[in-house]
């Protein structure tokens, strides 16, 4: 929503600083904020972004780490989906790699196992093991988990299901 009067450069800069002080942000999100909310001209947006980077309001590495941590912990995303999300926002590959290195593989494995076991309980019991395997692999892939990790976790979940049915 644009305001009736175009804000001055100083007002835009102050608003952008306040926006960045409240949350981690990347260049793309700040650009969208300034253009969509205030109709800021591109030249002013570029100058403001340069200022925000210089002053430490925007740090793409810091943003990538926070994004990766939040998406892994709170959204249950795998590394592939996190990587794609960061790349879509124009984050440099080095910052993406550093952020992904900070994700705990064991936490990812435990999260995926819990997700698959929950899905397995919700699926119809009449489905064959091959059908279940495919459904679980599709779920893991849609959440962005690498195939190797997903495959092992699916086999473990199916083994637990077989063991539970034998009892």
Foldseek 3Di string as FASTA:
>chain_A
DADPDQDDLVVLLVVLLVVLVVDADALQVSLCCCCVHHVDDPVSSVVSNVVCVVVVSHDLLVSLLVQLVCCVPPVVAALQVSLVVSVVSVRDPVSSVVNNVPDDPVSNLVSLLVVLLVVVVVDDPPDDLVVSLVVQQVVNVVRPHDNVSSNVSSVVSVVVVVVVVVD
